[in-house]
Amino acid sequence: MAETLDQQDPQQAEPQAESQPDSLEAVRREKDALQDRLLRTAAEFDNYRKRVDRERRDLAEYTAADVMSEMLPIVDNLERALAAASETDPLRKGVELTLKQMLDMLRKRGVKPIEALGADFDPNVHQAVMHEESPEHREGEVIGELRKGYTINDRLLRPAMVKVTRTEANG
């Protein structure tokens, strides 16, 4: 009987030895799969966080641009009031201070006026509402500004309404 046990032990030991590496390999594969899943989930979450941050920033910029755009007619009216008021008008100083405050507030939030007079007409920032023949100006030059245009953080907030020259041949 001792002989039979000796003969069976090597046979039984061999399948156990083979099953341990298979079992170990299966655990390694499962660990690698879980680690891969973890890395993918972490990357997806990071992309989600970045997208939400970008959307939040875009919404804040859009909202700020909308509010700043609604303030521009107030600036226009204050500038018109100054143009119509005489130098001796007692309200002039108050209007000047209010306009300065408004322009300072807009500037702090990235709003800048578009310099239109003397520039070449650019449909990206100018809205031509009048044309005028003028031999002393070059073709397409902005010679009048009817309403100021503004940008906010290098994006167009409102185009400048302008008068542009044209030659007689194009008229």
C-alpha atoms as a PDB file:
ATOM      1  CA  MET A   1       0.000   0.000   0.000  1.00  0.00           C
ATOM      2  CA  ALA A   2       2.896   2.315   0.566  1.00  0.00           C
ATOM      3  CA  GLU A   3       3.784   1.768  -3.000  1.00  0.00           C
ATOM      4  CA  THR A   4       0.370   2.857  -4.171  1.00  0.00           C
ATOM      5  CA  LEU A   5       0.500   6.055  -2.165  1.00  0.00           C
ATOM      6  CA  ASP A   6       3.903   6.926  -3.525  1.00  0.00           C
ATOM      7  CA  GLN A   7       2.693   6.462  -7.017  1.00  0.00           C
ATOM      8  CA  GLN A   8      -0.449   8.547  -6.469  1.00  0.00           C
ATOM      9  CA  ASP A   9       1.255  11.460  -4.694  1.00  0.00           C
ATOM     10  CA  PRO A  10       3.239  12.658  -7.717  1.00  0.00           C
ATOM     11  CA  GLN A  11       0.150  12.483  -9.857  1.00  0.00           C
ATOM     12  CA  GLN A  12      -1.951  14.396  -7.366  1.00  0.00           C
ATOM     13  CA  ALA A  13       0.748  16.956  -6.700  1.00  0.00           C
ATOM     14  CA  GLU A  14       1.098  17.699 -10.406  1.00  0.00           C
ATOM     15  CA  PRO A  15      -2.519  18.772 -11.012  1.00  0.00           C
ATOM     16  CA  GLN A  16      -2.400  20.954  -7.901  1.00  0.00           C
ATOM     17  CA  ALA A  17       0.788  22.607  -9.122  1.00  0.00           C
ATOM     18  CA  GLU A  18      -0.825  23.234 -12.486  1.00  0.00           C
ATOM     19  CA  SER A  19      -4.013  24.622 -10.960  1.00  0.00           C
ATOM     20  CA  GLN A  20      -2.163  27.084  -8.724  1.00  0.00           C
ATOM     21  CA  PRO A  21      -0.451  28.917 -11.625  1.00  0.00           C
ATOM     22  CA  ASP A  22      -3.753  28.958 -13.522  1.00  0.00           C
ATOM     23  CA  SER A  23      -5.516  30.306 -10.473  1.00  0.00           C
ATOM     24  CA  LEU A  24      -2.750  32.860  -9.878  1.00  0.00           C
ATOM     25  CA  GLU A  25      -2.851  33.916 -13.525  1.00  0.00           C
ATOM     26  CA  ALA A  26      -6.633  34.343 -13.331  1.00  0.00           C
ATOM     27  CA  VAL A  27      -6.268  36.550 -10.269  1.00  0.00           C
ATOM     28  CA  ARG A  28      -3.628  38.635 -12.048  1.00  0.00           C
ATOM     29  CA  ARG A  29      -5.865  39.040 -15.105  1.00  0.00           C
ATOM     30  CA  GLU A  30      -8.757  40.075 -12.889  1.00  0.00           C
ATOM     31  CA  LYS A  31      -6.514  42.551 -11.020  1.00  0.00           C
ATOM     32  CA  ASP A  32      -5.291  44.019 -14.340  1.00  0.00           C
ATOM     33  CA  ALA A  33      -8.863  44.305 -15.619  1.00  0.00           C
ATOM     34  CA  LEU A  34      -9.984  46.031 -12.422  1.00  0.00           C
ATOM     35  CA  GLN A  35      -6.999  48.363 -12.484  1.00  0.00           C
ATOM     36  CA  ASP A  36      -7.725  49.213 -16.132  1.00  0.00           C
ATOM     37  CA  ARG A  37     -11.375  49.883 -15.249  1.00  0.00           C
ATOM     38  CA  LEU A  38     -10.298  52.075 -12.341  1.00  0.00           C
ATOM     39  CA  LEU A  39      -7.948  54.101 -14.560  1.00  0.00           C
ATOM     40  CA  ARG A  40     -10.646  54.528 -17.224  1.00  0.00           C
ATOM     41  CA  THR A  41     -13.194  55.621 -14.625  1.00  0.00           C
ATOM     42  CA  ALA A  42     -10.728  58.102 -13.137  1.00  0.00           C
ATOM     43  CA  ALA A  43      -9.989  59.498 -16.633  1.00  0.00           C
ATOM     44  CA  GLU A  44     -13.709  59.755 -17.428  1.00  0.00           C
ATOM     45  CA  PHE A  45     -14.325  61.566 -14.154  1.00  0.00           C
ATOM     46  CA  ASP A  46     -11.436  63.968 -14.832  1.00  0.00           C
ATOM     47  CA  ASN A  47     -12.839  64.697 -18.319  1.00  0.00           C
ATOM     48  CA  TYR A  48     -16.288  65.234 -16.801  1.00  0.00           C
ATOM     49  CA  ARG A  49     -14.881  67.646 -14.208  1.00  0.00           C
ATOM     50  CA  LYS A  50     -13.019  69.602 -16.894  1.00  0.00           C
ATOM     51  CA  ARG A  51     -16.132  69.760 -19.097  1.00  0.00           C
ATOM     52  CA  VAL A  52     -18.299  71.007 -16.200  1.00  0.00           C
ATOM     53  CA  ASP A  53     -15.670  73.643 -15.303  1.00  0.00           C
ATOM     54  CA  ARG A  54     -15.509  74.792 -18.941  1.00  0.00           C
ATOM     55  CA  GLU A  55     -19.323  74.936 -19.200  1.00  0.00           C
ATOM     56  CA  ARG A  56     -19.544  76.883 -15.928  1.00  0.00           C
ATOM     57  CA  ARG A  57     -16.913  79.356 -17.157  1.00  0.00           C
ATOM     58  CA  ASP A  58     -18.678  79.730 -20.525  1.00  0.00           C
ATOM     59  CA  LEU A  59     -22.013  80.339 -18.798  1.00  0.00           C
ATOM     60  CA  ALA A  60     -20.460  82.974 -16.526  1.00  0.00           C
ATOM     61  CA  GLU A  61     -18.869  84.721 -19.533  1.00  0.00           C
ATOM     62  CA  TYR A  62     -22.126  84.574 -21.489  1.00  0.00           C
ATOM     63  CA  THR A  63     -24.099  85.989 -18.550  1.00  0.00           C
ATOM     64  CA  ALA A  64     -21.540  88.754 -17.989  1.00  0.00           C
ATOM     65  CA  ALA A  65     -21.576  89.649 -21.696  1.00  0.00           C
ATOM     66  CA  ASP A  66     -25.380  89.768 -21.639  1.00  0.00           C
ATOM     67  CA  VAL A  67     -25.429  92.121 -18.639  1.00  0.00           C
ATOM     68  CA  MET A  68     -22.671  94.328 -20.087  1.00  0.00           C
ATOM     69  CA  SER A  69     -24.549  94.498 -23.384  1.00  0.00           C
ATOM     70  CA  GLU A  70     -27.652  95.753 -21.582  1.00  0.00           C
ATOM     71  CA  MET A  71     -25.599  98.550 -19.984  1.00  0.00           C
ATOM     72  CA  LEU A  72     -24.289  99.923 -23.273  1.00  0.00           C
ATOM     73  CA  PRO A  73     -27.466 101.919 -24.111  1.00  0.00           C
ATOM     74  CA  ILE A  74     -27.072 103.645 -20.731  1.00  0.00           C
ATOM     75  CA  VAL A  75     -23.524 104.619 -21.683  1.00  0.00           C
ATOM     76  CA  ASP A  76     -24.829 105.852 -25.062  1.00  0.00           C
ATOM     77  CA  ASN A  77     -27.455 108.016 -23.347  1.00  0.00           C
ATOM     78  CA  LEU A  78     -24.942 109.491 -20.899  1.00  0.00           C
ATOM     79  CA  GLU A  79     -22.631 110.361 -23.813  1.00  0.00           C
ATOM     80  CA  ARG A  80     -25.553 111.979 -25.677  1.00  0.00           C
ATOM     81  CA  ALA A  81     -26.458 113.963 -22.561  1.00  0.00           C
ATOM     82  CA  LEU A  82     -22.879 115.259 -22.324  1.00  0.00           C
ATOM     83  CA  ALA A  83     -22.829 116.173 -26.005  1.00  0.00           C
ATOM     84  CA  ALA A  84     -26.108 118.119 -25.634  1.00  0.00           C
ATOM     85  CA  ALA A  85     -25.266 119.834 -22.327  1.00  0.00           C
ATOM     86  CA  SER A  86     -23.510 123.162 -22.240  1.00  0.00           C
ATOM     87  CA  GLU A  87     -20.275 123.597 -20.303  1.00  0.00           C
ATOM     88  CA  THR A  88     -22.139 125.715 -17.715  1.00  0.00           C
ATOM     89  CA  ASP A  89     -24.946 123.223 -17.117  1.00  0.00           C
ATOM     90  CA  PRO A  90     -24.907 122.342 -13.394  1.00  0.00           C
ATOM     91  CA  LEU A  91     -25.885 118.704 -14.103  1.00  0.00           C
ATOM     92  CA  ARG A  92     -22.956 118.175 -16.468  1.00  0.00           C
ATOM     93  CA  LYS A  93     -20.500 117.284 -13.674  1.00  0.00           C
ATOM     94  CA  GLY A  94     -22.848 114.598 -12.315  1.00  0.00           C
ATOM     95  CA  VAL A  95     -23.364 113.086 -15.763  1.00  0.00           C
ATOM     96  CA  GLU A  96     -19.590 113.102 -16.373  1.00  0.00           C
ATOM     97  CA  LEU A  97     -18.946 111.316 -13.064  1.00  0.00           C
ATOM     98  CA  THR A  98     -21.679 108.753 -13.728  1.00  0.00           C
ATOM     99  CA  LEU A  99     -20.334 108.066 -17.231  1.00  0.00           C
ATOM    100  CA  LYS A 100     -16.800 107.703 -15.882  1.00  0.00           C
ATOM    101  CA  GLN A 101     -18.019 105.217 -13.258  1.00  0.00           C
ATOM    102  CA  MET A 102     -19.877 103.198 -15.876  1.00  0.00           C
ATOM    103  CA  LEU A 103     -16.879 103.121 -18.239  1.00  0.00           C
ATOM    104  CA  ASP A 104     -14.525 102.129 -15.398  1.00  0.00           C
ATOM    105  CA  MET A 105     -16.846  99.303 -14.362  1.00  0.00           C
ATOM    106  CA  LEU A 106     -17.105  98.048 -17.945  1.00  0.00           C
ATOM    107  CA  ARG A 107     -13.333  98.255 -18.424  1.00  0.00           C
ATOM    108  CA  LYS A 108     -12.728  96.195 -15.247  1.00  0.00           C
ATOM    109  CA  ARG A 109     -14.920  93.474 -16.712  1.00  0.00           C
ATOM    110  CA  GLY A 110     -13.015  93.342 -19.999  1.00  0.00           C
ATOM    111  CA  VAL A 111     -15.232  95.648 -22.090  1.00  0.00           C
ATOM    112  CA  LYS A 112     -13.295  97.841 -24.534  1.00  0.00           C
ATOM    113  CA  PRO A 113     -14.537 100.300 -27.166  1.00  0.00           C
ATOM    114  CA  ILE A 114     -13.797  99.544 -30.814  1.00  0.00           C
ATOM    115  CA  GLU A 115     -11.693 102.264 -32.431  1.00  0.00           C
ATOM    116  CA  ALA A 116     -13.601 102.875 -35.645  1.00  0.00           C
ATOM    117  CA  LEU A 117     -12.839 106.371 -36.986  1.00  0.00           C
ATOM    118  CA  GLY A 118     -10.122 106.294 -39.633  1.00  0.00           C
ATOM    119  CA  ALA A 119     -10.000 102.496 -39.699  1.00  0.00           C
ATOM    120  CA  ASP A 120     -10.758 100.373 -42.746  1.00  0.00           C
ATOM    121  CA  PHE A 121     -14.270  98.975 -42.722  1.00  0.00           C
ATOM    122  CA  ASP A 122     -14.297  95.517 -41.131  1.00  0.00           C
ATOM    123  CA  PRO A 123     -17.630  93.674 -41.258  1.00  0.00           C
ATOM    124  CA  ASN A 124     -16.566  91.640 -38.226  1.00  0.00           C
ATOM    125  CA  VAL A 125     -16.670  94.710 -35.941  1.00  0.00           C
ATOM    126  CA  HIS A 126     -18.448  97.421 -37.976  1.00  0.00           C
ATOM    127  CA  GLN A 127     -22.011  97.743 -39.193  1.00  0.00           C
ATOM    128  CA  ALA A 128     -22.149 100.121 -42.159  1.00  0.00           C
ATOM    129  CA  VAL A 129     -25.392 102.099 -42.046  1.00  0.00           C
ATOM    130  CA  MET A 130     -24.348 104.941 -44.364  1.00  0.00           C
ATOM    131  CA  HIS A 131     -22.064 105.449 -47.337  1.00  0.00           C
ATOM    132  CA  GLU A 132     -20.673 108.776 -48.449  1.00  0.00           C
ATOM    133  CA  GLU A 133     -18.546 109.829 -51.399  1.00  0.00           C
ATOM    134  CA  SER A 134     -15.382 111.523 -50.250  1.00  0.00           C
ATOM    135  CA  PRO A 135     -12.376 112.273 -52.445  1.00  0.00           C
ATOM    136  CA  GLU A 136     -10.157 113.101 -49.448  1.00  0.00           C
ATOM    137  CA  HIS A 137     -10.615 109.661 -47.820  1.00  0.00           C
ATOM    138  CA  ARG A 138      -9.623 106.238 -49.112  1.00  0.00           C
ATOM    139  CA  GLU A 139     -12.220 103.706 -50.262  1.00  0.00           C
ATOM    140  CA  GLY A 140     -13.804 101.789 -47.359  1.00  0.00           C
ATOM    141  CA  GLU A 141     -12.499 104.129 -44.655  1.00  0.00           C
ATOM    142  CA  VAL A 142     -14.750 104.710 -41.647  1.00  0.00           C
ATOM    143  CA  ILE A 143     -15.441 108.465 -41.595  1.00  0.00           C
ATOM    144  CA  GLY A 144     -18.253 108.586 -39.059  1.00  0.00           C
ATOM    145  CA  GLU A 145     -19.312 106.691 -35.980  1.00  0.00           C
ATOM    146  CA  LEU A 146     -23.023 106.772 -35.210  1.00  0.00           C
ATOM    147  CA  ARG A 147     -22.845 104.341 -32.294  1.00  0.00           C
ATOM    148  CA  LYS A 148     -19.769 102.986 -30.543  1.00  0.00           C
ATOM    149  CA  GLY A 149     -18.993  99.320 -30.758  1.00  0.00           C
ATOM    150  CA  TYR A 150     -17.525  97.255 -27.944  1.00  0.00           C
ATOM    151  CA  THR A 151     -15.683  93.992 -27.383  1.00  0.00           C
ATOM    152  CA  ILE A 152     -15.565  91.913 -24.221  1.00  0.00           C
ATOM    153  CA  ASN A 153     -12.439  89.842 -23.661  1.00  0.00           C
ATOM    154  CA  ASP A 154     -11.623  90.093 -27.384  1.00  0.00           C
ATOM    155  CA  ARG A 155     -15.105  88.905 -28.439  1.00  0.00           C
ATOM    156  CA  LEU A 156     -17.569  91.214 -30.166  1.00  0.00           C
ATOM    157  CA  LEU A 157     -20.160  92.566 -27.760  1.00  0.00           C
ATOM    158  CA  ARG A 158     -21.757  95.105 -30.103  1.00  0.00           C
ATOM    159  CA  PRO A 159     -20.633  96.243 -33.571  1.00  0.00           C
ATOM    160  CA  ALA A 160     -19.935  99.916 -34.215  1.00  0.00           C
ATOM    161  CA  MET A 161     -22.525 101.608 -36.444  1.00  0.00           C
ATOM    162  CA  VAL A 162     -20.457 103.542 -38.960  1.00  0.00           C
ATOM    163  CA  LYS A 163     -20.468 105.732 -42.057  1.00  0.00           C
ATOM    164  CA  VAL A 164     -18.057 104.467 -44.742  1.00  0.00           C
ATOM    165  CA  THR A 165     -16.550 106.198 -47.802  1.00  0.00           C
ATOM    166  CA  ARG A 166     -17.020 105.009 -51.327  1.00  0.00           C
ATOM    167  CA  THR A 167     -15.705 106.277 -54.606  1.00  0.00           C
ATOM    168  CA  GLU A 168     -17.956 107.839 -57.201  1.00  0.00           C
ATOM    169  CA  ALA A 169     -17.417 104.903 -59.591  1.00  0.00           C
ATOM    170  CA  ASN A 170     -18.966 102.498 -57.051  1.00  0.00           C
ATOM    171  CA  GLY A 171     -21.939 104.729 -56.345  1.00  0.00           C
END
